Amino acid sequence: MSRREDIRNIAIIAHVDHGKTTLIDAILQQTGTFRVNQKVEAQIMDSNDLEKERGITIFSKNASFFYSGMKFNVVDTPGHADFGGEVERVLSMVDGALLLVDAFDGPMPQTKYVLRKALEEKLQILVVINKIDRPRCRPAEVLDMVYDLFIELGAHEEQLDFPYVFASGKLGTAKNTLDEPDENIFPLLDKIIQKIPGPKVVLEEPLQMLVSSIDYNEYLGRIAVGKIAKGRIKAGEQIA
């Protein structure tokens, strides 16, 4: 068994309305997933009509982008407690998680729930103190509150030494310290590369794939989205 060092599979977890989908939108824009002159509707990951109406993520969405020669597969998970089952299913398919916490609100009830699930899955967690552009925000204090939450949930010593960044999904910026200038989102992506491992691969065995969702594209037809546990598959190959 080895790891793919050119791939990162990550989930974004948070309390409702702490900025997950907005942050993903900023990442996709800055990594060139869309053309510079392409008009893109805000809230790319909230594609379901009910999600747009309510302004929250209900169903897990998948997005991929390339940065620094690596492929990132990102899953935006629900932040509302009513849809917690989606969170559990997604966390079993990734190798790390970005825990977003509002720099003004601090950890909220759903923050505790999703963090507990991520710790149970033994995922590498990267804390993102988001919305540092909000007036009267308190990012340093909120970071301490997140540390206390880790302790409350029984995190071991290695988990307590979690990496973190400060970010604003709205402005599309991230930085390692509050003293750094606001420039772009790339410090977050660099930290993901450094701290979250690539997926484990077992190539010389029959194909096993855990399908997490079924999507549809008018050009490709029905699409199965999931994680390959063992074996390999090539583009255009038919699987019985």
C-alpha atoms as a PDB file:
ATOM      1  CA  MET A   1       0.000   0.000   0.000  1.00  0.00           C
ATOM      2  CA  SER A   2       1.265   3.455  -0.899  1.00  0.00           C
ATOM      3  CA  ARG A   3      -0.063   7.004  -1.170  1.00  0.00           C
ATOM      4  CA  ARG A   4      -0.756   9.204  -4.184  1.00  0.00           C
ATOM      5  CA  GLU A   5       1.241  12.337  -3.531  1.00  0.00           C
ATOM      6  CA  ASP A   6      -0.315  14.204  -6.463  1.00  0.00           C
ATOM      7  CA  ILE A   7      -3.905  14.072  -5.128  1.00  0.00           C
ATOM      8  CA  ARG A   8      -5.669  15.539  -2.099  1.00  0.00           C
ATOM      9  CA  ASN A   9      -9.191  14.434  -1.121  1.00  0.00           C
ATOM     10  CA  ILE A  10     -10.715  16.825   1.399  1.00  0.00           C
ATOM     11  CA  ALA A  11     -14.072  17.722   2.911  1.00  0.00           C
ATOM     12  CA  ILE A  12     -15.151  21.151   4.097  1.00  0.00           C
ATOM     13  CA  ILE A  13     -17.113  20.990   7.351  1.00  0.00           C
ATOM     14  CA  ALA A  14     -18.670  23.747   9.440  1.00  0.00           C
ATOM     15  CA  HIS A  15     -21.748  25.064  11.186  1.00  0.00           C
ATOM     16  CA  VAL A  16     -24.422  26.386   8.841  1.00  0.00           C
ATOM     17  CA  ASP A  17     -23.599  29.751   7.236  1.00  0.00           C
ATOM     18  CA  HIS A  18     -19.958  29.822   8.293  1.00  0.00           C
ATOM     19  CA  GLY A  19     -18.862  30.285   4.681  1.00  0.00           C
ATOM     20  CA  LYS A  20     -18.026  26.862   3.213  1.00  0.00           C
ATOM     21  CA  THR A  21     -19.613  27.333  -0.191  1.00  0.00           C
ATOM     22  CA  THR A  22     -18.335  30.902  -0.571  1.00  0.00           C
ATOM     23  CA  LEU A  23     -14.794  29.740   0.190  1.00  0.00           C
ATOM     24  CA  ILE A  24     -15.000  26.973  -2.402  1.00  0.00           C
ATOM     25  CA  ASP A  25     -16.268  29.487  -4.961  1.00  0.00           C
ATOM     26  CA  ALA A  26     -13.191  31.642  -4.308  1.00  0.00           C
ATOM     27  CA  ILE A  27     -10.854  28.649  -4.656  1.00  0.00           C
ATOM     28  CA  LEU A  28     -12.391  27.581  -7.967  1.00  0.00           C
ATOM     29  CA  GLN A  29     -12.131  31.109  -9.338  1.00  0.00           C
ATOM     30  CA  GLN A  30      -8.502  31.678  -8.341  1.00  0.00           C
ATOM     31  CA  THR A  31      -7.229  28.279  -9.489  1.00  0.00           C
ATOM     32  CA  GLY A  32      -8.493  28.921 -13.009  1.00  0.00           C
ATOM     33  CA  THR A  33     -11.290  26.374 -12.940  1.00  0.00           C
ATOM     34  CA  PHE A  34     -13.269  29.048 -14.784  1.00  0.00           C
ATOM     35  CA  ARG A  35     -12.030  31.380 -17.489  1.00  0.00           C
ATOM     36  CA  VAL A  36     -11.169  34.903 -16.413  1.00  0.00           C
ATOM     37  CA  ASN A  37     -13.941  36.340 -18.599  1.00  0.00           C
ATOM     38  CA  GLN A  38     -16.483  33.647 -17.732  1.00  0.00           C
ATOM     39  CA  LYS A  39     -19.516  34.827 -15.790  1.00  0.00           C
ATOM     40  CA  VAL A  40     -20.105  32.384 -12.956  1.00  0.00           C
ATOM     41  CA  GLU A  41     -23.142  32.411 -10.712  1.00  0.00           C
ATOM     42  CA  ALA A  42     -22.282  32.840  -7.044  1.00  0.00           C
ATOM     43  CA  GLN A  43     -22.656  29.807  -4.804  1.00  0.00           C
ATOM     44  CA  ILE A  44     -21.439  27.297  -7.385  1.00  0.00           C
ATOM     45  CA  MET A  45     -21.772  24.350  -5.030  1.00  0.00           C
ATOM     46  CA  ASP A  46     -25.361  25.165  -4.030  1.00  0.00           C
ATOM     47  CA  SER A  47     -26.916  23.936  -7.265  1.00  0.00           C
ATOM     48  CA  ASN A  48     -30.088  22.359  -5.913  1.00  0.00           C
ATOM     49  CA  ASP A  49     -33.166  24.612  -6.106  1.00  0.00           C
ATOM     50  CA  LEU A  50     -34.002  24.073  -2.438  1.00  0.00           C
ATOM     51  CA  GLU A  51     -30.420  24.889  -1.465  1.00  0.00           C
ATOM     52  CA  LYS A  52     -30.528  28.171  -3.357  1.00  0.00           C
ATOM     53  CA  GLU A  53     -33.871  29.033  -1.813  1.00  0.00           C
ATOM     54  CA  ARG A  54     -32.721  28.345   1.733  1.00  0.00           C
ATOM     55  CA  GLY A  55     -29.118  29.494   1.267  1.00  0.00           C
ATOM     56  CA  ILE A  56     -27.632  26.363   2.818  1.00  0.00           C
ATOM     57  CA  THR A  57     -25.953  23.215   1.545  1.00  0.00           C
ATOM     58  CA  ILE A  58     -28.199  20.153   1.918  1.00  0.00           C
ATOM     59  CA  PHE A  59     -26.602  17.583  -0.373  1.00  0.00           C
ATOM     60  CA  SER A  60     -22.864  17.013  -0.537  1.00  0.00           C
ATOM     61  CA  LYS A  61     -21.316  18.477  -3.693  1.00  0.00           C
ATOM     62  CA  ASN A  62     -18.047  17.553  -5.363  1.00  0.00           C
ATOM     63  CA  ALA A  63     -15.575  19.808  -7.136  1.00  0.00           C
ATOM     64  CA  SER A  64     -12.091  19.277  -8.533  1.00  0.00           C
ATOM     65  CA  PHE A  65      -9.353  21.735  -9.386  1.00  0.00           C
ATOM     66  CA  PHE A  66      -5.614  21.773 -10.051  1.00  0.00           C
ATOM     67  CA  TYR A  67      -2.989  23.763  -8.191  1.00  0.00           C
ATOM     68  CA  SER A  68       0.811  23.484  -8.060  1.00  0.00           C
ATOM     69  CA  GLY A  69       0.756  20.347 -10.195  1.00  0.00           C
ATOM     70  CA  MET A  70      -1.689  18.556  -7.908  1.00  0.00           C
ATOM     71  CA  LYS A  71      -5.343  17.582  -8.196  1.00  0.00           C
ATOM     72  CA  PHE A  72      -7.678  18.545  -5.366  1.00  0.00           C
ATOM     73  CA  ASN A  73     -11.020  16.788  -4.896  1.00  0.00           C
ATOM     74  CA  VAL A  74     -13.206  18.816  -2.545  1.00  0.00           C
ATOM     75  CA  VAL A  75     -16.560  17.940  -1.018  1.00  0.00           C
ATOM     76  CA  ASP A  76     -18.780  20.665   0.416  1.00  0.00           C
ATOM     77  CA  THR A  77     -20.870  19.094   3.190  1.00  0.00           C
ATOM     78  CA  PRO A  78     -24.119  20.249   4.827  1.00  0.00           C
ATOM     79  CA  GLY A  79     -23.706  22.586   7.778  1.00  0.00           C
ATOM     80  CA  HIS A  80     -27.253  22.113   9.043  1.00  0.00           C
ATOM     81  CA  ALA A  81     -27.912  19.513  11.752  1.00  0.00           C
ATOM     82  CA  ASP A  82     -30.962  18.150   9.907  1.00  0.00           C
ATOM     83  CA  PHE A  83     -28.689  16.712   7.216  1.00  0.00           C
ATOM     84  CA  GLY A  84     -25.961  15.207   9.397  1.00  0.00           C
ATOM     85  CA  GLY A  85     -26.157  11.845   7.633  1.00  0.00           C
ATOM     86  CA  GLU A  86     -24.619  13.421   4.551  1.00  0.00           C
ATOM     87  CA  VAL A  87     -21.648  14.557   6.639  1.00  0.00           C
ATOM     88  CA  GLU A  88     -20.917  11.080   8.000  1.00  0.00           C
ATOM     89  CA  ARG A  89     -21.040   9.515   4.542  1.00  0.00           C
ATOM     90  CA  VAL A  90     -18.637  12.034   3.043  1.00  0.00           C
ATOM     91  CA  LEU A  91     -16.053  11.889   5.820  1.00  0.00           C
ATOM     92  CA  SER A  92     -15.498   8.201   5.137  1.00  0.00           C
ATOM     93  CA  MET A  93     -14.310   9.092   1.628  1.00  0.00           C
ATOM     94  CA  VAL A  94     -11.670  11.759   2.285  1.00  0.00           C
ATOM     95  CA  ASP A  95      -8.226  11.953   3.858  1.00  0.00           C
ATOM     96  CA  GLY A  96      -8.572  15.311   5.560  1.00  0.00           C
ATOM     97  CA  ALA A  97     -11.037  18.024   6.456  1.00  0.00           C
ATOM     98  CA  LEU A  98     -11.106  21.799   6.542  1.00  0.00           C
ATOM     99  CA  LEU A  99     -12.972  22.895   9.667  1.00  0.00           C
ATOM    100  CA  LEU A 100     -14.343  26.381   9.023  1.00  0.00           C
ATOM    101  CA  VAL A 101     -15.223  28.539  12.014  1.00  0.00           C
ATOM    102  CA  ASP A 102     -16.660  32.045  11.815  1.00  0.00           C
ATOM    103  CA  ALA A 103     -14.187  34.577  13.247  1.00  0.00           C
ATOM    104  CA  PHE A 104     -17.066  36.458  14.886  1.00  0.00           C
ATOM    105  CA  ASP A 105     -19.440  33.687  16.020  1.00  0.00           C
ATOM    106  CA  GLY A 106     -16.860  31.120  17.088  1.00  0.00           C
ATOM    107  CA  PRO A 107     -17.684  27.403  17.385  1.00  0.00           C
ATOM    108  CA  MET A 108     -21.415  26.663  17.201  1.00  0.00           C
ATOM    109  CA  PRO A 109     -23.469  23.493  17.905  1.00  0.00           C
ATOM    110  CA  GLN A 110     -22.952  21.960  14.468  1.00  0.00           C
ATOM    111  CA  THR A 111     -19.226  22.764  14.663  1.00  0.00           C
ATOM    112  CA  LYS A 112     -19.013  20.371  17.600  1.00  0.00           C
ATOM    113  CA  TYR A 113     -20.958  17.674  15.737  1.00  0.00           C
ATOM    114  CA  VAL A 114     -18.900  17.727  12.534  1.00  0.00           C
ATOM    115  CA  LEU A 115     -15.604  17.980  14.418  1.00  0.00           C
ATOM    116  CA  ARG A 116     -16.485  14.959  16.538  1.00  0.00           C
ATOM    117  CA  LYS A 117     -17.240  12.945  13.387  1.00  0.00           C
ATOM    118  CA  ALA A 118     -13.969  14.018  11.756  1.00  0.00           C
ATOM    119  CA  LEU A 119     -11.977  13.059  14.855  1.00  0.00           C
ATOM    120  CA  GLU A 120     -13.706   9.668  14.961  1.00  0.00           C
ATOM    121  CA  GLU A 121     -12.615   9.097  11.351  1.00  0.00           C
ATOM    122  CA  LYS A 122      -9.056  10.021  12.400  1.00  0.00           C
ATOM    123  CA  LEU A 123      -8.853  12.629   9.655  1.00  0.00           C
ATOM    124  CA  GLN A 124      -6.146  15.272   9.514  1.00  0.00           C
ATOM    125  CA  ILE A 125      -7.991  18.499  10.319  1.00  0.00           C
ATOM    126  CA  LEU A 126      -6.964  21.928   9.084  1.00  0.00           C
ATOM    127  CA  VAL A 127      -8.760  24.713  10.955  1.00  0.00           C
ATOM    128  CA  VAL A 128      -9.823  27.728   8.899  1.00  0.00           C
ATOM    129  CA  ILE A 129     -10.819  30.789  10.913  1.00  0.00           C
ATOM    130  CA  ASN A 130     -13.073  32.311   8.264  1.00  0.00           C
ATOM    131  CA  LYS A 131     -14.766  35.679   7.737  1.00  0.00           C
ATOM    132  CA  ILE A 132     -11.910  37.684   9.240  1.00  0.00           C
ATOM    133  CA  ASP A 133     -13.237  40.615   7.199  1.00  0.00           C
ATOM    134  CA  ARG A 134     -16.290  40.896   9.489  1.00  0.00           C
ATOM    135  CA  PRO A 135     -16.437  43.982  11.737  1.00  0.00           C
ATOM    136  CA  ARG A 136     -15.554  43.299  15.386  1.00  0.00           C
ATOM    137  CA  CYS A 137     -14.398  39.774  14.578  1.00  0.00           C
ATOM    138  CA  ARG A 138     -12.058  38.061  17.058  1.00  0.00           C
ATOM    139  CA  PRO A 139      -9.981  35.512  15.142  1.00  0.00           C
ATOM    140  CA  ALA A 140      -7.292  34.906  17.785  1.00  0.00           C
ATOM    141  CA  GLU A 141      -9.886  34.381  20.511  1.00  0.00           C
ATOM    142  CA  VAL A 142     -11.929  32.075  18.280  1.00  0.00           C
ATOM    143  CA  LEU A 143      -8.821  30.001  17.530  1.00  0.00           C
ATOM    144  CA  ASP A 144      -8.388  29.453  21.281  1.00  0.00           C
ATOM    145  CA  MET A 145     -12.057  28.446  21.509  1.00  0.00           C
ATOM    146  CA  VAL A 146     -11.522  25.862  18.767  1.00  0.00           C
ATOM    147  CA  TYR A 147      -8.553  24.449  20.691  1.00  0.00           C
ATOM    148  CA  ASP A 148     -10.755  24.133  23.784  1.00  0.00           C
ATOM    149  CA  LEU A 149     -13.367  22.320  21.686  1.00  0.00           C
ATOM    150  CA  PHE A 150     -10.754  19.804  20.529  1.00  0.00           C
ATOM    151  CA  ILE A 151      -9.893  19.135  24.185  1.00  0.00           C
ATOM    152  CA  GLU A 152     -13.569  18.787  25.117  1.00  0.00           C
ATOM    153  CA  LEU A 153     -14.020  16.161  22.396  1.00  0.00           C
ATOM    154  CA  GLY A 154     -11.095  14.112  23.665  1.00  0.00           C
ATOM    155  CA  ALA A 155      -8.603  14.845  20.889  1.00  0.00           C
ATOM    156  CA  HIS A 156      -5.202  13.246  21.455  1.00  0.00           C
ATOM    157  CA  GLU A 157      -1.938  15.173  21.516  1.00  0.00           C
ATOM    158  CA  GLU A 158      -1.248  14.889  17.801  1.00  0.00           C
ATOM    159  CA  GLN A 159      -4.765  16.066  16.917  1.00  0.00           C
ATOM    160  CA  LEU A 160      -4.395  19.038  19.267  1.00  0.00           C
ATOM    161  CA  ASP A 161      -1.400  20.199  17.236  1.00  0.00           C
ATOM    162  CA  PHE A 162      -3.689  21.088  14.334  1.00  0.00           C
ATOM    163  CA  PRO A 163      -2.614  23.411  11.505  1.00  0.00           C
ATOM    164  CA  TYR A 164      -4.672  26.542  10.866  1.00  0.00           C
ATOM    165  CA  VAL A 165      -5.060  29.559   8.608  1.00  0.00           C
ATOM    166  CA  PHE A 166      -7.045  32.786   8.755  1.00  0.00           C
ATOM    167  CA  ALA A 167      -9.270  33.433   5.748  1.00  0.00           C
ATOM    168  CA  SER A 168     -12.025  35.434   4.125  1.00  0.00           C
ATOM    169  CA  GLY A 169     -14.031  33.492   1.578  1.00  0.00           C
ATOM    170  CA  LYS A 170     -15.799  36.707   0.606  1.00  0.00           C
ATOM    171  CA  LEU A 171     -12.528  38.470  -0.241  1.00  0.00           C
ATOM    172  CA  GLY A 172     -10.857  35.294  -1.502  1.00  0.00           C
ATOM    173  CA  THR A 173      -7.848  35.538   0.800  1.00  0.00           C
ATOM    174  CA  ALA A 174      -6.018  33.344   3.308  1.00  0.00           C
ATOM    175  CA  LYS A 175      -2.926  33.807   5.436  1.00  0.00           C
ATOM    176  CA  ASN A 176      -0.927  31.975   8.080  1.00  0.00           C
ATOM    177  CA  THR A 177      -0.770  34.871  10.550  1.00  0.00           C
ATOM    178  CA  LEU A 178      -2.961  37.901  11.115  1.00  0.00           C
ATOM    179  CA  ASP A 179       0.007  40.202  10.438  1.00  0.00           C
ATOM    180  CA  GLU A 180       0.388  39.051   6.835  1.00  0.00           C
ATOM    181  CA  PRO A 181      -1.173  41.089   4.003  1.00  0.00           C
ATOM    182  CA  ASP A 182      -4.385  39.912   2.337  1.00  0.00           C
ATOM    183  CA  GLU A 183      -3.442  38.725  -1.153  1.00  0.00           C
ATOM    184  CA  ASN A 184      -5.039  35.483  -2.384  1.00  0.00           C
ATOM    185  CA  ILE A 185      -6.331  32.069  -1.329  1.00  0.00           C
ATOM    186  CA  PHE A 186      -3.106  30.191  -2.106  1.00  0.00           C
ATOM    187  CA  PRO A 187      -1.702  30.027   1.465  1.00  0.00           C
ATOM    188  CA  LEU A 188      -4.656  27.769   2.300  1.00  0.00           C
ATOM    189  CA  LEU A 189      -3.914  25.466  -0.630  1.00  0.00           C
ATOM    190  CA  ASP A 190      -0.219  25.335   0.268  1.00  0.00           C
ATOM    191  CA  LYS A 191      -1.143  24.346   3.826  1.00  0.00           C
ATOM    192  CA  ILE A 192      -3.410  21.575   2.509  1.00  0.00           C
ATOM    193  CA  ILE A 193      -0.507  20.171   0.471  1.00  0.00           C
ATOM    194  CA  GLN A 194       1.810  20.298   3.485  1.00  0.00           C
ATOM    195  CA  LYS A 195      -0.515  18.928   6.160  1.00  0.00           C
ATOM    196  CA  ILE A 196      -3.154  16.659   4.574  1.00  0.00           C
ATOM    197  CA  PRO A 197      -1.898  13.315   3.198  1.00  0.00           C
ATOM    198  CA  GLY A 198      -2.660  11.890  -0.212  1.00  0.00           C
ATOM    199  CA  PRO A 199      -5.009   8.907  -0.549  1.00  0.00           C
ATOM    200  CA  LYS A 200      -3.867   5.354   0.127  1.00  0.00           C
ATOM    201  CA  VAL A 201      -3.802   3.179  -2.981  1.00  0.00           C
ATOM    202  CA  VAL A 202      -3.874  -0.611  -3.401  1.00  0.00           C
ATOM    203  CA  LEU A 203      -3.403  -1.186  -7.124  1.00  0.00           C
ATOM    204  CA  GLU A 204      -2.841  -4.917  -7.530  1.00  0.00           C
ATOM    205  CA  GLU A 205      -6.305  -6.059  -6.425  1.00  0.00           C
ATOM    206  CA  PRO A 206      -9.770  -6.185  -8.050  1.00  0.00           C
ATOM    207  CA  LEU A 207     -11.577  -2.874  -8.328  1.00  0.00           C
ATOM    208  CA  GLN A 208     -13.548  -1.754  -5.290  1.00  0.00           C
ATOM    209  CA  MET A 209     -15.273   1.621  -5.364  1.00  0.00           C
ATOM    210  CA  LEU A 210     -17.525   3.210  -2.773  1.00  0.00           C
ATOM    211  CA  VAL A 211     -20.115   5.281  -4.652  1.00  0.00           C
ATOM    212  CA  SER A 212     -21.255   8.278  -2.613  1.00  0.00           C
ATOM    213  CA  SER A 213     -23.671   9.902  -5.036  1.00  0.00           C
ATOM    214  CA  ILE A 214     -25.227   9.638  -8.482  1.00  0.00           C
ATOM    215  CA  ASP A 215     -25.275  12.756 -10.648  1.00  0.00           C
ATOM    216  CA  TYR A 216     -26.496  13.523 -14.155  1.00  0.00           C
ATOM    217  CA  ASN A 217     -24.950  15.518 -16.971  1.00  0.00           C
ATOM    218  CA  GLU A 218     -26.790  16.295 -20.206  1.00  0.00           C
ATOM    219  CA  TYR A 219     -23.664  15.442 -22.213  1.00  0.00           C
ATOM    220  CA  LEU A 220     -22.325  12.447 -20.272  1.00  0.00           C
ATOM    221  CA  GLY A 221     -25.524  11.001 -18.862  1.00  0.00           C
ATOM    222  CA  ARG A 222     -25.598   9.404 -15.417  1.00  0.00           C
ATOM    223  CA  ILE A 223     -22.417   9.847 -13.365  1.00  0.00           C
ATOM    224  CA  ALA A 224     -21.307   7.851 -10.322  1.00  0.00           C
ATOM    225  CA  VAL A 225     -19.193   9.820  -7.857  1.00  0.00           C
ATOM    226  CA  GLY A 226     -17.150   7.908  -5.305  1.00  0.00           C
ATOM    227  CA  LYS A 227     -13.794   6.790  -3.953  1.00  0.00           C
ATOM    228  CA  ILE A 228     -11.743   3.891  -5.287  1.00  0.00           C
ATOM    229  CA  ALA A 229     -10.686   1.695  -2.354  1.00  0.00           C
ATOM    230  CA  LYS A 230      -8.718  -0.905  -4.337  1.00  0.00           C
ATOM    231  CA  GLY A 231      -7.681  -1.580  -7.904  1.00  0.00           C
ATOM    232  CA  ARG A 232      -7.628   0.843 -10.789  1.00  0.00           C
ATOM    233  CA  ILE A 233      -9.881   2.131 -13.559  1.00  0.00           C
ATOM    234  CA  LYS A 234      -9.077   3.909 -16.814  1.00  0.00           C
ATOM    235  CA  ALA A 235     -10.999   6.524 -18.764  1.00  0.00           C
ATOM    236  CA  GLY A 236     -13.462   4.871 -21.119  1.00  0.00           C
ATOM    237  CA  GLU A 237     -13.282   1.496 -19.376  1.00  0.00           C
ATOM    238  CA  GLN A 238     -16.581  -0.329 -18.812  1.00  0.00           C
ATOM    239  CA  ILE A 239     -17.188  -1.854 -15.394  1.00  0.00           C
ATOM    240  CA  ALA A 240     -19.738  -4.630 -14.907  1.00  0.00           C
END
